[in-house]
Each structure stands twice: as C-alpha cells, then as structure tokens.
Amino acid sequence: MLHTIEELIERLNVMKDKAIELHRIRNQYSELSNKKYNRARAQELLDDIQMMAKLIAEDKEGTEIKTEMDEWKKQ
C-alpha cells in the first residue's frame, strides 16, 4: 500500500462529505417548489467519489500496510 492508514481514513472522510453533499443537492427540492436540483454539480460530486474509490481500490503496490505511527516506533 502506497498510502498510510491515516491517509486512507482522510480520503474516506472526504468521500463521505461529498456523498452527504450529493444527497442534499439531489433531495433539496421537492416537486412542489418547481425547482430542479443542480444535476451538473451532482454529477461532478458523483464522479469525484467514484474516482477516489477507484484510487483506493488500485492502491495495491507492495505488501506493507503503512501507518504514520511507524515513524514514532523508529525513534
């Protein structure tokens, strides 16, 4: 794994935040308001989430599971 566990956690948190924003954008308007959601922004968020998921899935270089704590252990 090229990235640390902490970097993975941060990426997942960003993905979660984007998913929440996507949910809000998609559901913020009701049919009664005659307003439509921002489809372009929703697609942009979805594309970002999917791209980040792909990068995480493809992070398979090496067999080591890295953590930032490894640096502390070396001291």
PDB file of N, CA and C in Angstrom:
ATOM      1  N   MET A   1       0.850  -1.173   0.000  1.00  0.00           N
ATOM      2  CA  MET A   1       0.000   0.000   0.000  1.00  0.00           C
ATOM      3  C   MET A   1       0.897   1.237   0.000  1.00  0.00           C
ATOM      4  N   LEU A   2       0.681   2.118  -0.935  1.00  0.00           N
ATOM      5  CA  LEU A   2       1.496   3.332  -1.025  1.00  0.00           C
ATOM      6  C   LEU A   2       1.152   4.350   0.059  1.00  0.00           C
ATOM      7  N   HIS A   3      -0.092   4.424   0.426  1.00  0.00           N
ATOM      8  CA  HIS A   3      -0.545   5.427   1.380  1.00  0.00           C
ATOM      9  C   HIS A   3      -0.708   4.830   2.775  1.00  0.00           C
ATOM     10  N   THR A   4      -0.693   5.697   3.762  1.00  0.00           N
ATOM     11  CA  THR A   4      -0.854   5.230   5.137  1.00  0.00           C
ATOM     12  C   THR A   4      -2.335   5.010   5.453  1.00  0.00           C
ATOM     13  N   ILE A   5      -2.568   4.326   6.536  1.00  0.00           N
ATOM     14  CA  ILE A   5      -3.943   4.108   7.000  1.00  0.00           C
ATOM     15  C   ILE A   5      -4.605   5.452   7.294  1.00  0.00           C
ATOM     16  N   GLU A   6      -3.836   6.379   7.855  1.00  0.00           N
ATOM     17  CA  GLU A   6      -4.385   7.702   8.172  1.00  0.00           C
ATOM     18  C   GLU A   6      -4.804   8.448   6.902  1.00  0.00           C
ATOM     19  N   GLU A   7      -4.022   8.302   5.836  1.00  0.00           N
ATOM     20  CA  GLU A   7      -4.396   8.915   4.556  1.00  0.00           C
ATOM     21  C   GLU A   7      -5.650   8.259   3.988  1.00  0.00           C
ATOM     22  N   LEU A   8      -5.784   6.964   4.181  1.00  0.00           N
ATOM     23  CA  LEU A   8      -6.991   6.258   3.752  1.00  0.00           C
ATOM     24  C   LEU A   8      -8.210   6.778   4.510  1.00  0.00           C
ATOM     25  N   ILE A   9      -8.064   6.948   5.813  1.00  0.00           N
ATOM     26  CA  ILE A   9      -9.167   7.485   6.624  1.00  0.00           C
ATOM     27  C   ILE A   9      -9.573   8.858   6.128  1.00  0.00           C
ATOM     28  N   GLU A  10      -8.585   9.718   5.827  1.00  0.00           N
ATOM     29  CA  GLU A  10      -8.886  11.065   5.336  1.00  0.00           C
ATOM     30  C   GLU A  10      -9.629  11.007   4.006  1.00  0.00           C
ATOM     31  N   ARG A  11      -9.203  10.150   3.113  1.00  0.00           N
ATOM     32  CA  ARG A  11      -9.891  10.018   1.815  1.00  0.00           C
ATOM     33  C   ARG A  11     -11.333   9.545   2.010  1.00  0.00           C
ATOM     34  N   LEU A  12     -11.516   8.593   2.898  1.00  0.00           N
ATOM     35  CA  LEU A  12     -12.867   8.101   3.156  1.00  0.00           C
ATOM     36  C   LEU A  12     -13.744   9.184   3.767  1.00  0.00           C
ATOM     37  N   ASN A  13     -13.178  10.004   4.631  1.00  0.00           N
ATOM     38  CA  ASN A  13     -13.932  11.120   5.208  1.00  0.00           C
ATOM     39  C   ASN A  13     -14.337  12.120   4.129  1.00  0.00           C
ATOM     40  N   VAL A  14     -13.438  12.409   3.205  1.00  0.00           N
ATOM     41  CA  VAL A  14     -13.762  13.318   2.098  1.00  0.00           C
ATOM     42  C   VAL A  14     -14.867  12.711   1.243  1.00  0.00           C
ATOM     43  N   MET A  15     -14.772  11.418   0.973  1.00  0.00           N
ATOM     44  CA  MET A  15     -15.813  10.743   0.185  1.00  0.00           C
ATOM     45  C   MET A  15     -17.162  10.825   0.896  1.00  0.00           C
ATOM     46  N   LYS A  16     -17.155  10.631   2.209  1.00  0.00           N
ATOM     47  CA  LYS A  16     -18.396  10.712   2.987  1.00  0.00           C
ATOM     48  C   LYS A  16     -18.988  12.115   2.897  1.00  0.00           C
ATOM     49  N   ASP A  17     -18.146  13.144   3.057  1.00  0.00           N
ATOM     50  CA  ASP A  17     -18.631  14.519   2.972  1.00  0.00           C
ATOM     51  C   ASP A  17     -19.212  14.821   1.603  1.00  0.00           C
ATOM     52  N   LYS A  18     -18.559  14.346   0.560  1.00  0.00           N
ATOM     53  CA  LYS A  18     -19.067  14.551  -0.794  1.00  0.00           C
ATOM     54  C   LYS A  18     -20.386  13.814  -1.000  1.00  0.00           C
ATOM     55  N   ALA A  19     -20.506  12.620  -0.446  1.00  0.00           N
ATOM     56  CA  ALA A  19     -21.746  11.852  -0.573  1.00  0.00           C
ATOM     57  C   ALA A  19     -22.896  12.553   0.147  1.00  0.00           C
ATOM     58  N   ILE A  20     -22.615  13.128   1.302  1.00  0.00           N
ATOM     59  CA  ILE A  20     -23.652  13.878   2.027  1.00  0.00           C
ATOM     60  C   ILE A  20     -24.077  15.098   1.222  1.00  0.00           C
ATOM     61  N   GLU A  21     -23.102  15.813   0.648  1.00  0.00           N
ATOM     62  CA  GLU A  21     -23.425  16.973  -0.191  1.00  0.00           C
ATOM     63  C   GLU A  21     -24.245  16.547  -1.406  1.00  0.00           C
ATOM     64  N   LEU A  22     -23.855  15.437  -2.032  1.00  0.00           N
ATOM     65  CA  LEU A  22     -24.603  14.913  -3.174  1.00  0.00           C
ATOM     66  C   LEU A  22     -26.038  14.587  -2.777  1.00  0.00           C
ATOM     67  N   HIS A  23     -26.215  13.972  -1.639  1.00  0.00           N
ATOM     68  CA  HIS A  23     -27.556  13.632  -1.146  1.00  0.00           C
ATOM     69  C   HIS A  23     -28.388  14.896  -0.956  1.00  0.00           C
ATOM     70  N   ARG A  24     -27.787  15.913  -0.377  1.00  0.00           N
ATOM     71  CA  ARG A  24     -28.508  17.176  -0.140  1.00  0.00           C
ATOM     72  C   ARG A  24     -28.880  17.856  -1.450  1.00  0.00           C
ATOM     73  N   ILE A  25     -27.920  17.897  -2.382  1.00  0.00           N
ATOM     74  CA  ILE A  25     -28.200  18.530  -3.676  1.00  0.00           C
ATOM     75  C   ILE A  25     -29.320  17.794  -4.395  1.00  0.00           C
ATOM     76  N   ARG A  26     -29.273  16.483  -4.349  1.00  0.00           N
ATOM     77  CA  ARG A  26     -30.259  15.670  -5.078  1.00  0.00           C
ATOM     78  C   ARG A  26     -31.649  15.769  -4.466  1.00  0.00           C
ATOM     79  N   ASN A  27     -31.721  15.976  -3.161  1.00  0.00           N
ATOM     80  CA  ASN A  27     -33.021  15.917  -2.484  1.00  0.00           C
ATOM     81  C   ASN A  27     -33.493  17.242  -1.904  1.00  0.00           C
ATOM     82  N   GLN A  28     -32.809  18.348  -2.196  1.00  0.00           N
ATOM     83  CA  GLN A  28     -33.174  19.597  -1.547  1.00  0.00           C
ATOM     84  C   GLN A  28     -34.450  20.227  -2.095  1.00  0.00           C
ATOM     85  N   TYR A  29     -34.842  19.855  -3.291  1.00  0.00           N
ATOM     86  CA  TYR A  29     -36.035  20.457  -3.869  1.00  0.00           C
ATOM     87  C   TYR A  29     -37.139  19.432  -4.012  1.00  0.00           C
ATOM     88  N   SER A  30     -38.318  19.856  -3.667  1.00  0.00           N
ATOM     89  CA  SER A  30     -39.467  18.973  -3.838  1.00  0.00           C
ATOM     90  C   SER A  30     -40.179  19.335  -5.132  1.00  0.00           C
ATOM     91  N   GLU A  31     -41.035  18.466  -5.565  1.00  0.00           N
ATOM     92  CA  GLU A  31     -41.809  18.735  -6.775  1.00  0.00           C
ATOM     93  C   GLU A  31     -42.721  19.943  -6.572  1.00  0.00           C
ATOM     94  N   LEU A  32     -43.111  20.196  -5.345  1.00  0.00           N
ATOM     95  CA  LEU A  32     -43.998  21.321  -5.065  1.00  0.00           C
ATOM     96  C   LEU A  32     -43.326  22.671  -5.286  1.00  0.00           C
ATOM     97  N   SER A  33     -42.011  22.735  -5.166  1.00  0.00           N
ATOM     98  CA  SER A  33     -41.313  24.010  -5.304  1.00  0.00           C
ATOM     99  C   SER A  33     -41.047  24.383  -6.766  1.00  0.00           C
ATOM    100  N   ASN A  34     -41.253  23.449  -7.666  1.00  0.00           N
ATOM    101  CA  ASN A  34     -40.983  23.663  -9.089  1.00  0.00           C
ATOM    102  C   ASN A  34     -39.522  24.003  -9.368  1.00  0.00           C
ATOM    103  N   LYS A  35     -38.633  23.607  -8.503  1.00  0.00           N
ATOM    104  CA  LYS A  35     -37.199  23.818  -8.702  1.00  0.00           C
ATOM    105  C   LYS A  35     -36.545  22.477  -8.982  1.00  0.00           C
ATOM    106  N   LYS A  36     -35.482  22.514  -9.775  1.00  0.00           N
ATOM    107  CA  LYS A  36     -34.755  21.297 -10.090  1.00  0.00           C
ATOM    108  C   LYS A  36     -33.394  21.341  -9.421  1.00  0.00           C
ATOM    109  N   TYR A  37     -32.899  20.193  -9.095  1.00  0.00           N
ATOM    110  CA  TYR A  37     -31.579  20.128  -8.472  1.00  0.00           C
ATOM    111  C   TYR A  37     -30.494  20.406  -9.505  1.00  0.00           C
ATOM    112  N   ASN A  38     -29.321  20.770  -9.022  1.00  0.00           N
ATOM    113  CA  ASN A  38     -28.195  21.088  -9.886  1.00  0.00           C
ATOM    114  C   ASN A  38     -27.562  19.775 -10.352  1.00  0.00           C
ATOM    115  N   ARG A  39     -28.040  19.290 -11.465  1.00  0.00           N
ATOM    116  CA  ARG A  39     -27.584  17.992 -11.982  1.00  0.00           C
ATOM    117  C   ARG A  39     -26.093  17.986 -12.292  1.00  0.00           C
ATOM    118  N   ALA A  40     -25.563  19.071 -12.818  1.00  0.00           N
ATOM    119  CA  ALA A  40     -24.137  19.126 -13.160  1.00  0.00           C
ATOM    120  C   ALA A  40     -23.282  18.989 -11.895  1.00  0.00           C
ATOM    121  N   ARG A  41     -23.655  19.691 -10.834  1.00  0.00           N
ATOM    122  CA  ARG A  41     -22.905  19.598  -9.578  1.00  0.00           C
ATOM    123  C   ARG A  41     -23.042  18.196  -8.981  1.00  0.00           C
ATOM    124  N   ALA A  42     -24.227  17.626  -9.058  1.00  0.00           N
ATOM    125  CA  ALA A  42     -24.440  16.273  -8.542  1.00  0.00           C
ATOM    126  C   ALA A  42     -23.557  15.280  -9.290  1.00  0.00           C
ATOM    127  N   GLN A  43     -23.479  15.405 -10.593  1.00  0.00           N
ATOM    128  CA  GLN A  43     -22.647  14.500 -11.389  1.00  0.00           C
ATOM    129  C   GLN A  43     -21.171  14.693 -11.060  1.00  0.00           C
ATOM    130  N   GLU A  44     -20.768  15.938 -10.869  1.00  0.00           N
ATOM    131  CA  GLU A  44     -19.380  16.241 -10.507  1.00  0.00           C
ATOM    132  C   GLU A  44     -19.004  15.562  -9.178  1.00  0.00           C
ATOM    133  N   LEU A  45     -19.888  15.660  -8.199  1.00  0.00           N
ATOM    134  CA  LEU A  45     -19.638  15.018  -6.905  1.00  0.00           C
ATOM    135  C   LEU A  45     -19.573  13.499  -7.051  1.00  0.00           C
ATOM    136  N   LEU A  46     -20.493  12.940  -7.802  1.00  0.00           N
ATOM    137  CA  LEU A  46     -20.506  11.503  -8.011  1.00  0.00           C
ATOM    138  C   LEU A  46     -19.229  11.039  -8.709  1.00  0.00           C
ATOM    139  N   ASP A  47     -18.803  11.779  -9.716  1.00  0.00           N
ATOM    140  CA  ASP A  47     -17.560  11.448 -10.425  1.00  0.00           C
ATOM    141  C   ASP A  47     -16.363  11.487  -9.475  1.00  0.00           C
ATOM    142  N   ASP A  48     -16.319  12.505  -8.613  1.00  0.00           N
ATOM    143  CA  ASP A  48     -15.231  12.618  -7.635  1.00  0.00           C
ATOM    144  C   ASP A  48     -15.211  11.421  -6.687  1.00  0.00           C
ATOM    145  N   ILE A  49     -16.371  11.061  -6.179  1.00  0.00           N
ATOM    146  CA  ILE A  49     -16.479   9.931  -5.243  1.00  0.00           C
ATOM    147  C   ILE A  49     -16.000   8.647  -5.922  1.00  0.00           C
ATOM    148  N   GLN A  50     -16.457   8.426  -7.131  1.00  0.00           N
ATOM    149  CA  GLN A  50     -16.079   7.210  -7.851  1.00  0.00           C
ATOM    150  C   GLN A  50     -14.592   7.183  -8.172  1.00  0.00           C
ATOM    151  N   MET A  51     -14.024   8.335  -8.529  1.00  0.00           N
ATOM    152  CA  MET A  51     -12.601   8.410  -8.816  1.00  0.00           C
ATOM    153  C   MET A  51     -11.779   8.104  -7.567  1.00  0.00           C
ATOM    154  N   MET A  52     -12.193   8.663  -6.440  1.00  0.00           N
ATOM    155  CA  MET A  52     -11.478   8.412  -5.183  1.00  0.00           C
ATOM    156  C   MET A  52     -11.571   6.941  -4.790  1.00  0.00           C
ATOM    157  N   ALA A  53     -12.734   6.351  -4.982  1.00  0.00           N
ATOM    158  CA  ALA A  53     -12.907   4.928  -4.676  1.00  0.00           C
ATOM    159  C   ALA A  53     -11.998   4.077  -5.560  1.00  0.00           C
ATOM    160  N   LYS A  54     -11.890   4.451  -6.812  1.00  0.00           N
ATOM    161  CA  LYS A  54     -11.024   3.713  -7.736  1.00  0.00           C
ATOM    162  C   LYS A  54      -9.564   3.817  -7.312  1.00  0.00           C
ATOM    163  N   LEU A  55      -9.128   5.023  -6.933  1.00  0.00           N
ATOM    164  CA  LEU A  55      -7.748   5.200  -6.475  1.00  0.00           C
ATOM    165  C   LEU A  55      -7.461   4.357  -5.233  1.00  0.00           C
ATOM    166  N   ILE A  56      -8.415   4.300  -4.327  1.00  0.00           N
ATOM    167  CA  ILE A  56      -8.243   3.479  -3.127  1.00  0.00           C
ATOM    168  C   ILE A  56      -8.147   2.007  -3.514  1.00  0.00           C
ATOM    169  N   ALA A  57      -9.020   1.571  -4.407  1.00  0.00           N
ATOM    170  CA  ALA A  57      -9.028   0.168  -4.823  1.00  0.00           C
ATOM    171  C   ALA A  57      -7.747  -0.223  -5.546  1.00  0.00           C
ATOM    172  N   GLU A  58      -7.156   0.713  -6.257  1.00  0.00           N
ATOM    173  CA  GLU A  58      -5.954   0.420  -7.039  1.00  0.00           C
ATOM    174  C   GLU A  58      -4.658   0.602  -6.253  1.00  0.00           C
ATOM    175  N   ASP A  59      -4.739   0.997  -5.003  1.00  0.00           N
ATOM    176  CA  ASP A  59      -3.547   1.215  -4.167  1.00  0.00           C
ATOM    177  C   ASP A  59      -3.059  -0.133  -3.643  1.00  0.00           C
ATOM    178  N   LYS A  60      -2.424  -0.902  -4.519  1.00  0.00           N
ATOM    179  CA  LYS A  60      -2.021  -2.269  -4.170  1.00  0.00           C
ATOM    180  C   LYS A  60      -0.525  -2.490  -4.297  1.00  0.00           C
ATOM    181  N   GLU A  61       0.237  -1.411  -4.416  1.00  0.00           N
ATOM    182  CA  GLU A  61       1.679  -1.563  -4.577  1.00  0.00           C
ATOM    183  C   GLU A  61       2.306  -1.980  -3.247  1.00  0.00           C
ATOM    184  N   GLY A  62       3.057  -3.034  -3.277  1.00  0.00           N
ATOM    185  CA  GLY A  62       3.711  -3.529  -2.069  1.00  0.00           C
ATOM    186  C   GLY A  62       2.768  -4.322  -1.187  1.00  0.00           C
ATOM    187  N   THR A  63       3.335  -4.907  -0.156  1.00  0.00           N
ATOM    188  CA  THR A  63       2.525  -5.719   0.759  1.00  0.00           C
ATOM    189  C   THR A  63       2.428  -5.106   2.149  1.00  0.00           C
ATOM    190  N   GLU A  64       3.162  -4.022   2.360  1.00  0.00           N
ATOM    191  CA  GLU A  64       3.179  -3.388   3.677  1.00  0.00           C
ATOM    192  C   GLU A  64       1.921  -2.554   3.884  1.00  0.00           C
ATOM    193  N   ILE A  65       1.378  -2.621   5.087  1.00  0.00           N
ATOM    194  CA  ILE A  65       0.277  -1.753   5.485  1.00  0.00           C
ATOM    195  C   ILE A  65       0.897  -0.662   6.339  1.00  0.00           C
ATOM    196  N   LYS A  66       1.004   0.537   5.766  1.00  0.00           N
ATOM    197  CA  LYS A  66       1.712   1.645   6.404  1.00  0.00           C
ATOM    198  C   LYS A  66       0.810   2.415   7.358  1.00  0.00           C
ATOM    199  N   THR A  67       1.431   2.984   8.371  1.00  0.00           N
ATOM    200  CA  THR A  67       0.753   3.879   9.292  1.00  0.00           C
ATOM    201  C   THR A  67       1.731   4.980   9.679  1.00  0.00           C
ATOM    202  N   GLU A  68       1.221   6.142   9.987  1.00  0.00           N
ATOM    203  CA  GLU A  68       2.072   7.239  10.420  1.00  0.00           C
ATOM    204  C   GLU A  68       2.769   6.897  11.735  1.00  0.00           C
ATOM    205  N   MET A  69       2.202   6.012  12.501  1.00  0.00           N
ATOM    206  CA  MET A  69       2.780   5.624  13.786  1.00  0.00           C
ATOM    207  C   MET A  69       4.090   4.865  13.599  1.00  0.00           C
ATOM    208  N   ASP A  70       4.333   4.324  12.411  1.00  0.00           N
ATOM    209  CA  ASP A  70       5.592   3.625  12.152  1.00  0.00           C
ATOM    210  C   ASP A  70       6.789   4.540  12.390  1.00  0.00           C
ATOM    211  N   GLU A  71       6.641   5.824  12.057  1.00  0.00           N
ATOM    212  CA  GLU A  71       7.724   6.781  12.268  1.00  0.00           C
ATOM    213  C   GLU A  71       8.032   6.953  13.751  1.00  0.00           C
ATOM    214  N   TRP A  72       7.014   6.889  14.580  1.00  0.00           N
ATOM    215  CA  TRP A  72       7.210   7.039  16.031  1.00  0.00           C
ATOM    216  C   TRP A  72       7.972   5.827  16.580  1.00  0.00           C
ATOM    217  N   LYS A  73       7.661   4.681  16.030  1.00  0.00           N
ATOM    218  CA  LYS A  73       8.263   3.444  16.533  1.00  0.00           C
ATOM    219  C   LYS A  73       9.755   3.366  16.220  1.00  0.00           C
ATOM    220  N   LYS A  74      10.185   4.068  15.176  1.00  0.00           N
ATOM    221  CA  LYS A  74      11.594   4.023  14.771  1.00  0.00           C
ATOM    222  C   LYS A  74      12.485   4.854  15.692  1.00  0.00           C
ATOM    223  N   GLN A  75      11.910   5.743  16.443  1.00  0.00           N
ATOM    224  CA  GLN A  75      12.692   6.643  17.295  1.00  0.00           C
ATOM    225  C   GLN A  75      13.067   5.996  18.599  1.00  0.00           C
TER     226      GLN A  75
END
